[in-house]
Amino acid sequence: MAATNESGAWGVQPHPQRVAAVTGASAGVGREIAVALGALGWTVGIGARREDRLAETADAVAAAGGTPVVHRLDVTDEASVDAFFDAVEAEAGPVEALVNNAGVGYLGAVADVSVERLRAIVDTNLLGVLLCTRRATARMLDAGIPGDVVFISSDSIQKPYPHMLPYGATKAAVEYLAMGLDVELSGSGIRVATVRLGPTVSEFNTSWPDEDLIAFMEAWQRLGITDDFNYVPTDVVAHAVVAALTAPRGAKVSLLSIRPETTITVDERAKWAKAATQGRQT
């Protein structure tokens, strides 16, 4: 039975069971989103390249009250995308809610970033989103069902992030895609939402070498960027996604911007030490 809430408040009103799919669901933000959707009583297709970590997500989704459907997913590979959606559809029916969460980012000035890393960023953050969105919306349209597509974006599109420009460029393209798709699918019953994140605690940046992280922070200081570098917890992001997906029909959440609150005063040295540790939690 689907979980319900008697309050009727925005984002938590009674809702029917649905079939959702979350990309990049093996850890971090993706796992938290999958668990939050499981808590609604939904069936959740969880996909990522790290199959061993997907088992952990599946256990968490089931413990929350959802039904997990596990399948390996490489969003950059069309065949893998088709196999993932085929597996979810075979077990639960058409995907009604897609959360495009999978993403990668590497630190470094544009002049220093390898071609391999540039391709990885573009293929995962943009091509992968296109492939998954194409597959999911085609099925929704064929089946004539209402649906939702959520894009996870970044506030790096609003101001340049030194040493992360390729990442920010792909996220800007994703937001353009989201805005255009909203127009293209107007009247179809498929809603499009973007959840734009500020600094968020996740495993996203745990593989960054210390020297790259130091150069990143030094570039921000040199350019006079004075952001406080607090971080948003992953469960806050999950709540935002749930709010978008459970908005009452006849309304839509086009954009949710999630940013940490600013600390009023903070020692400069402590600020950078905090940024180097808090944002790299696992």
Protein backbone atom coordinates (compact mmCIF):
# COMPACT_ATOMS: atom_id res chain seq x y z
CA MET A 1 0.00 0.00 0.00
CA ALA A 2 1.26 3.45 -0.83
CA ALA A 3 2.29 5.63 2.06
CA THR A 4 0.04 8.62 2.67
CA ASN A 5 0.01 11.71 4.80
CA GLU A 6 -3.11 13.26 6.21
CA SER A 7 -1.82 16.82 6.37
CA GLY A 8 -2.37 17.59 2.71
CA ALA A 9 0.63 19.94 2.80
CA TRP A 10 2.54 20.69 -0.41
CA GLY A 11 4.93 17.85 -1.12
CA VAL A 12 3.36 15.45 1.37
CA GLN A 13 -0.28 15.22 0.31
CA PRO A 14 -1.78 11.77 -0.21
CA HIS A 15 -0.24 10.27 -3.33
CA PRO A 16 -0.72 7.08 -5.36
CA GLN A 17 1.92 4.46 -5.90
CA ARG A 18 4.21 5.26 -8.80
CA VAL A 19 7.15 3.77 -10.61
CA ALA A 20 10.25 5.95 -10.45
CA ALA A 21 13.79 5.65 -11.77
CA VAL A 22 16.86 7.28 -10.23
CA THR A 23 20.18 7.38 -12.06
CA GLY A 24 23.45 7.49 -10.15
CA ALA A 25 21.69 5.79 -7.24
CA SER A 26 24.64 3.89 -5.78
CA ALA A 27 25.56 6.55 -3.21
CA GLY A 28 25.22 10.13 -2.04
CA VAL A 29 22.41 12.27 -3.39
CA GLY A 30 21.10 9.53 -5.69
CA ARG A 31 20.78 7.02 -2.89
CA GLU A 32 19.06 9.53 -0.63
CA ILE A 33 16.54 10.38 -3.36
CA ALA A 34 15.82 6.70 -4.02
CA VAL A 35 15.23 6.06 -0.31
CA ALA A 36 12.93 9.07 -0.02
CA LEU A 37 10.85 7.80 -2.94
CA GLY A 38 10.78 4.36 -1.36
CA ALA A 39 9.37 5.96 1.79
CA LEU A 40 6.39 7.02 -0.33
CA GLY A 41 5.69 3.35 -1.00
CA TRP A 42 6.84 3.63 -4.60
CA THR A 43 8.65 1.15 -6.80
CA VAL A 44 12.09 2.62 -7.47
CA GLY A 45 14.35 1.59 -10.33
CA ILE A 46 17.89 2.23 -9.11
CA GLY A 47 20.73 2.31 -11.59
CA ALA A 48 24.45 3.05 -11.49
CA ARG A 49 27.72 1.52 -12.62
CA ARG A 50 28.76 0.27 -9.18
CA GLU A 51 26.57 -2.80 -8.79
CA ASP A 52 27.91 -3.69 -5.35
CA ARG A 53 26.79 -0.32 -4.01
CA LEU A 54 23.37 -0.66 -5.66
CA ALA A 55 22.64 -3.60 -3.37
CA GLU A 56 23.11 -1.28 -0.38
CA THR A 57 20.71 1.25 -1.92
CA ALA A 58 18.17 -1.49 -2.60
CA ASP A 59 18.23 -2.58 1.05
CA ALA A 60 17.71 1.02 2.17
CA VAL A 61 14.80 1.53 -0.25
CA ALA A 62 13.13 -1.67 0.95
CA ALA A 63 13.66 -0.71 4.60
CA ALA A 64 11.97 2.64 3.91
CA GLY A 65 8.89 0.86 2.54
CA GLY A 66 9.55 0.89 -1.20
CA THR A 67 10.11 -1.80 -3.79
CA PRO A 68 13.56 -1.58 -5.38
CA VAL A 69 14.34 -2.75 -8.90
CA VAL A 70 18.08 -3.04 -9.30
CA HIS A 71 19.93 -2.95 -12.61
CA ARG A 72 23.36 -1.80 -13.64
CA LEU A 73 23.26 1.47 -15.59
CA ASP A 74 25.89 3.33 -17.56
CA VAL A 75 24.05 6.46 -18.69
CA THR A 76 26.63 7.10 -21.43
CA ASP A 77 25.80 3.81 -23.17
CA GLU A 78 22.54 3.64 -25.15
CA ALA A 79 22.33 -0.15 -24.84
CA SER A 80 22.79 0.06 -21.07
CA VAL A 81 20.11 2.73 -20.80
CA ASP A 82 17.65 0.60 -22.78
CA ALA A 83 18.47 -2.48 -20.71
CA PHE A 84 17.90 -0.56 -17.47
CA PHE A 85 14.50 0.78 -18.50
CA ASP A 86 13.52 -2.60 -19.99
CA ALA A 87 14.28 -4.26 -16.67
CA VAL A 88 12.23 -1.75 -14.67
CA GLU A 89 9.33 -1.95 -17.11
CA ALA A 90 9.34 -5.76 -17.12
CA GLU A 91 9.01 -5.87 -13.34
CA ALA A 92 6.88 -2.81 -12.57
CA GLY A 93 5.54 -1.19 -15.75
CA PRO A 94 6.40 2.14 -17.39
CA VAL A 95 8.55 4.60 -15.48
CA GLU A 96 6.36 7.51 -14.42
CA ALA A 97 9.03 9.61 -12.72
CA LEU A 98 12.63 9.93 -13.85
CA VAL A 99 15.28 11.63 -11.71
CA ASN A 100 18.36 12.48 -13.79
CA ASN A 101 20.92 12.49 -11.00
CA ALA A 102 24.03 10.75 -12.39
CA GLY A 103 26.92 13.16 -12.83
CA VAL A 104 30.68 13.56 -12.63
CA GLY A 105 33.00 16.50 -12.14
CA TYR A 106 36.74 17.00 -12.05
CA LEU A 107 38.77 19.91 -10.79
CA GLY A 108 41.28 21.77 -12.92
CA ALA A 109 41.76 24.79 -15.14
CA VAL A 110 40.48 24.26 -18.68
CA ALA A 111 44.03 24.40 -20.02
CA ASP A 112 44.99 21.48 -17.77
CA VAL A 113 42.00 19.15 -17.99
CA SER A 114 42.66 16.01 -20.02
CA VAL A 115 40.56 15.20 -23.07
CA GLU A 116 39.50 11.96 -21.37
CA ARG A 117 38.07 13.88 -18.44
CA LEU A 118 36.34 16.37 -20.70
CA ARG A 119 34.65 13.52 -22.55
CA ALA A 120 33.63 11.86 -19.29
CA ILE A 121 32.02 15.06 -18.03
CA VAL A 122 30.11 15.75 -21.24
CA ASP A 123 29.11 12.12 -21.82
CA THR A 124 27.80 11.60 -18.29
CA ASN A 125 26.33 14.98 -17.46
CA LEU A 126 24.77 15.80 -20.82
CA LEU A 127 24.64 12.83 -23.19
CA GLY A 128 23.59 10.54 -20.37
CA VAL A 129 20.77 12.87 -19.37
CA LEU A 130 19.60 13.07 -22.98
CA LEU A 131 19.64 9.29 -23.43
CA CYS A 132 17.68 8.62 -20.23
CA THR A 133 15.21 11.44 -20.83
CA ARG A 134 14.65 10.32 -24.42
CA ARG A 135 13.92 6.75 -23.34
CA ALA A 136 11.67 7.62 -20.41
CA THR A 137 9.57 10.30 -22.11
CA ALA A 138 9.08 8.21 -25.26
CA ARG A 139 7.54 5.46 -23.14
CA MET A 140 5.38 7.89 -21.18
CA LEU A 141 4.05 9.37 -24.41
CA ASP A 142 3.44 5.95 -25.97
CA ALA A 143 1.57 4.77 -22.89
CA GLY A 144 -0.36 8.04 -22.56
CA ILE A 145 0.47 8.36 -18.87
CA PRO A 146 1.19 11.48 -16.83
CA GLY A 147 4.79 11.66 -15.73
CA ASP A 148 7.60 13.71 -14.29
CA VAL A 149 11.20 14.33 -15.26
CA VAL A 150 13.53 15.89 -12.69
CA PHE A 151 16.95 17.27 -13.59
CA ILE A 152 19.60 17.71 -10.90
CA SER A 153 21.54 20.86 -11.73
CA SER A 154 24.07 23.14 -10.05
CA ASP A 155 24.24 26.77 -9.06
CA SER A 156 27.55 26.86 -10.93
CA ILE A 157 25.49 27.92 -13.94
CA GLN A 158 24.77 31.26 -12.27
CA LYS A 159 28.36 32.19 -11.55
CA PRO A 160 31.55 30.66 -12.91
CA TYR A 161 33.20 28.11 -10.65
CA PRO A 162 36.94 28.47 -11.32
CA HIS A 163 38.55 25.09 -12.03
CA MET A 164 35.10 23.53 -12.64
CA LEU A 165 34.09 25.20 -15.90
CA PRO A 166 33.42 22.04 -17.97
CA TYR A 167 31.12 20.76 -15.23
CA GLY A 168 29.24 24.06 -15.05
CA ALA A 169 28.93 24.19 -18.84
CA THR A 170 27.21 20.80 -18.91
CA LYS A 171 24.82 21.83 -16.15
CA ALA A 172 23.94 25.00 -18.07
CA ALA A 173 23.13 22.79 -21.05
CA VAL A 174 20.98 20.55 -18.86
CA GLU A 175 18.95 23.52 -17.64
CA TYR A 176 18.46 24.65 -21.23
CA LEU A 177 17.26 21.13 -22.03
CA ALA A 178 14.86 21.22 -19.09
CA MET A 179 13.36 24.56 -20.12
CA GLY A 180 12.98 23.46 -23.72
CA LEU A 181 11.53 20.09 -22.78
CA ASP A 182 8.95 21.81 -20.62
CA VAL A 183 7.77 23.67 -23.72
CA GLU A 184 8.04 20.66 -26.01
CA LEU A 185 5.95 18.45 -23.69
CA SER A 186 3.41 21.13 -22.81
CA GLY A 187 -0.06 19.63 -22.64
CA SER A 188 1.21 16.03 -22.61
CA GLY A 189 0.82 15.54 -18.86
CA ILE A 190 4.58 15.19 -18.41
CA ARG A 191 5.98 17.76 -16.00
CA VAL A 192 9.59 18.95 -15.97
CA ALA A 193 11.40 20.17 -12.87
CA THR A 194 14.95 21.31 -12.16
CA VAL A 195 16.50 21.03 -8.71
CA ARG A 196 19.51 23.34 -8.64
CA LEU A 197 22.04 22.55 -5.93
CA GLY A 198 24.59 24.62 -4.12
CA PRO A 199 27.47 22.88 -2.30
CA THR A 200 26.15 19.50 -1.17
CA VAL A 201 27.62 16.78 1.03
CA SER A 202 28.12 13.65 -1.08
CA GLU A 203 30.68 11.27 -2.55
CA PHE A 204 30.80 13.41 -5.67
CA ASN A 205 34.17 14.91 -4.85
CA THR A 206 35.79 12.22 -2.70
CA SER A 207 38.09 11.18 -5.55
CA TRP A 208 39.50 14.67 -6.06
CA PRO A 209 43.25 14.75 -5.31
CA ASP A 210 44.22 17.06 -2.47
CA GLU A 211 46.41 19.16 -4.75
CA ASP A 212 43.47 19.78 -7.11
CA LEU A 213 41.21 20.76 -4.22
CA ILE A 214 43.83 23.15 -2.85
CA ALA A 215 44.29 24.78 -6.28
CA PHE A 216 40.50 25.11 -6.56
CA MET A 217 40.23 26.91 -3.23
CA GLU A 218 43.24 29.11 -3.94
CA ALA A 219 41.67 30.17 -7.25
CA TRP A 220 38.51 31.24 -5.41
CA GLN A 221 40.52 33.25 -2.91
CA ARG A 222 42.63 34.87 -5.64
CA LEU A 223 39.51 35.97 -7.49
CA GLY A 224 37.94 37.41 -4.36
CA ILE A 225 35.06 34.96 -4.20
CA THR A 226 33.85 34.98 -0.62
CA ASP A 227 31.27 32.20 -0.48
CA ASP A 228 31.01 30.66 2.97
CA PHE A 229 31.30 27.03 1.84
CA ASN A 230 28.62 25.56 4.02
CA TYR A 231 27.05 22.40 2.64
CA VAL A 232 23.52 21.10 2.15
CA PRO A 233 22.85 17.60 3.55
CA THR A 234 21.71 14.99 1.02
CA ASP A 235 18.38 14.44 2.74
CA VAL A 236 17.46 18.08 2.08
CA VAL A 237 17.98 17.48 -1.64
CA ALA A 238 15.80 14.38 -1.44
CA HIS A 239 13.00 16.40 0.19
CA ALA A 240 13.18 18.89 -2.67
CA VAL A 241 12.86 16.14 -5.26
CA VAL A 242 9.91 14.63 -3.40
CA ALA A 243 8.23 18.05 -3.33
CA ALA A 244 8.57 18.34 -7.10
CA LEU A 245 7.31 14.82 -7.79
CA THR A 246 4.35 15.00 -5.42
CA ALA A 247 3.09 18.45 -6.36
CA PRO A 248 -0.66 18.30 -7.01
CA ARG A 249 -1.59 17.63 -10.61
CA GLY A 250 -2.49 20.83 -12.38
CA ALA A 251 0.59 22.49 -10.88
CA LYS A 252 4.29 21.98 -11.44
CA VAL A 253 7.57 22.86 -9.77
CA SER A 254 9.73 24.32 -12.52
CA LEU A 255 12.79 25.21 -10.45
CA LEU A 256 13.89 24.64 -6.88
CA SER A 257 17.18 26.20 -5.84
CA ILE A 258 18.70 24.57 -2.77
CA ARG A 259 21.51 26.41 -1.04
CA PRO A 260 23.06 26.28 2.43
CA GLU A 261 22.50 29.10 4.86
CA THR A 262 25.38 31.52 5.33
CA THR A 263 27.31 31.62 8.58
CA ILE A 264 27.30 35.16 9.96
CA THR A 265 30.92 35.15 11.08
CA VAL A 266 33.64 32.58 10.58
CA ASP A 267 37.40 32.49 10.89
CA GLU A 268 38.96 32.43 7.41
CA ARG A 269 41.30 29.56 8.17
CA ALA A 270 38.49 27.55 9.72
CA LYS A 271 36.32 28.24 6.67
CA TRP A 272 38.71 26.57 4.26
CA ALA A 273 39.43 23.69 6.61
CA LYS A 274 35.70 23.10 6.94
CA ALA A 275 35.22 23.17 3.19
CA ALA A 276 38.00 20.64 2.69
CA THR A 277 36.45 18.16 5.12
CA GLN A 278 32.70 18.65 5.26
CA GLY A 279 32.13 18.48 1.52
CA ARG A 280 34.08 15.25 1.21
CA GLN A 281 32.11 13.20 3.72
CA THR A 282 30.97 9.75 2.64
